[in-house]
Protein backbone atom coordinates (compact mmCIF):
# COMPACT_ATOMS: atom_id res chain seq x y z
CA UNK A 1 0.00 0.00 0.00
CA UNK A 2 1.37 3.42 -0.86
CA UNK A 3 2.26 5.85 1.90
CA UNK A 4 -0.49 8.23 0.84
CA UNK A 5 -3.18 5.54 0.94
CA UNK A 6 -1.89 4.38 4.32
CA UNK A 7 -2.08 7.97 5.60
CA UNK A 8 -5.68 8.33 4.34
CA UNK A 9 -6.67 5.02 5.92
CA UNK A 10 -5.12 5.97 9.27
CA UNK A 11 -6.70 9.43 9.38
CA UNK A 12 -10.07 8.95 7.67
CA UNK A 13 -11.90 8.67 11.01
CA UNK A 14 -10.76 12.20 11.90
CA UNK A 15 -12.80 13.97 9.23
CA UNK A 16 -16.37 14.40 8.03
CA UNK A 17 -19.22 13.78 10.40
CA UNK A 18 -16.79 12.48 13.05
CA UNK A 19 -15.02 15.84 13.37
CA UNK A 20 -17.20 17.25 16.21
CA UNK A 21 -16.79 14.04 18.19
CA UNK A 22 -13.02 14.07 17.70
CA UNK A 23 -12.83 17.75 18.64
CA UNK A 24 -14.78 17.05 21.83
CA UNK A 25 -12.38 14.20 22.66
CA UNK A 26 -9.43 16.49 22.02
CA UNK A 27 -10.84 19.13 24.34
CA UNK A 28 -11.24 16.47 27.04
CA UNK A 29 -7.66 15.45 26.36
CA UNK A 30 -6.48 19.05 26.80
CA UNK A 31 -8.24 19.31 30.16
CA UNK A 32 -7.26 15.88 31.46
CA UNK A 33 -5.34 13.45 29.21
CA UNK A 34 -6.24 10.51 31.46
CA UNK A 35 -9.98 11.07 30.96
CA UNK A 36 -10.04 9.51 27.48
CA UNK A 37 -9.20 6.06 26.11
CA UNK A 38 -5.53 5.28 25.82
CA UNK A 39 -5.78 4.76 22.04
CA UNK A 40 -7.06 8.29 21.53
CA UNK A 41 -4.57 9.66 24.03
CA UNK A 42 -1.75 8.06 22.00
CA UNK A 43 -3.11 9.57 18.76
CA UNK A 44 -3.30 13.02 20.33
CA UNK A 45 0.20 12.71 21.78
CA UNK A 46 1.50 11.94 18.28
CA UNK A 47 0.28 15.31 16.97
CA UNK A 48 3.03 17.79 16.17
CA UNK A 49 3.96 19.78 19.26
CA UNK A 50 4.46 23.55 19.22
CA UNK A 51 5.92 25.99 21.71
CA UNK A 52 2.46 27.31 22.57
CA UNK A 53 -0.08 25.34 24.58
CA UNK A 54 -3.18 24.38 22.61
CA UNK A 55 -6.49 25.59 24.05
CA UNK A 56 -10.02 24.24 23.74
CA UNK A 57 -12.11 25.76 20.96
CA UNK A 58 -15.45 25.49 22.77
CA UNK A 59 -14.73 28.55 24.92
CA UNK A 60 -13.88 30.60 21.83
CA UNK A 61 -16.98 29.38 19.97
CA UNK A 62 -19.21 30.17 22.97
CA UNK A 63 -17.72 33.66 23.23
CA UNK A 64 -18.40 34.39 19.56
CA UNK A 65 -21.97 33.11 19.90
CA UNK A 66 -22.51 35.39 22.90
CA UNK A 67 -21.07 38.39 21.04
CA UNK A 68 -23.23 37.67 18.00
CA UNK A 69 -26.39 37.41 20.09
CA UNK A 70 -25.70 40.60 22.03
CA UNK A 71 -24.71 42.64 18.99
CA UNK A 72 -27.28 41.44 16.45
CA UNK A 73 -30.01 43.89 17.48
CA UNK A 74 -27.53 46.76 17.76
CA UNK A 75 -26.11 46.01 14.30
CA UNK A 76 -29.60 45.78 12.82
CA UNK A 77 -30.51 49.16 14.26
CA UNK A 78 -27.30 50.72 12.96
CA UNK A 79 -28.17 49.43 9.50
CA UNK A 80 -31.69 50.86 9.79
CA UNK A 81 -33.43 47.52 10.32
CA UNK A 82 -35.82 47.96 13.19
CA UNK A 83 -38.83 45.71 13.72
CA UNK A 84 -41.15 48.47 12.54
CA UNK A 85 -39.15 49.15 9.37
CA UNK A 86 -39.09 45.45 8.50
CA UNK A 87 -42.89 45.26 8.91
CA UNK A 88 -43.35 48.31 6.67
CA UNK A 89 -41.03 46.91 4.03
CA UNK A 90 -42.92 43.62 4.08
CA UNK A 91 -46.22 45.44 3.60
CA UNK A 92 -44.78 47.35 0.63
CA UNK A 93 -43.49 44.12 -0.90
CA UNK A 94 -46.94 42.52 -0.51
CA UNK A 95 -48.59 45.55 -2.14
CA UNK A 96 -46.19 45.44 -5.08
CA UNK A 97 -46.80 41.72 -5.49
CA UNK A 98 -50.55 42.28 -5.41
CA UNK A 99 -50.28 44.90 -8.20
CA UNK A 100 -48.11 42.55 -10.24
CA UNK A 101 -50.55 39.67 -9.90
CA UNK A 102 -53.88 41.55 -10.04
CA UNK A 103 -53.12 45.01 -11.48
CA UNK A 104 -54.61 44.12 -14.86
CA UNK A 105 -57.95 43.44 -13.19
CA UNK A 106 -58.38 47.01 -11.98
């Protein structure tokens, strides 16, 4: 078997729909390496090491979700999208559609 095929066979479980599961395992590994199975621990220990300590992504993802939720209404207002303006725009769009569909009947 070629080296490339061997590499794909050894790493295929790390991609696709398994990625969130693997990322969760890795975050557990970062917090406490002994909390996961030894086979996964060995795989994670084989990853290339850098000078900086790797951190869990879940905290970063949660922070961005919190920022998005808190800023969405403020951003919408800055762009001129208030609830009232959206309702008015929808009413105008319905009126235009009505004239397009039934204007010839008037």
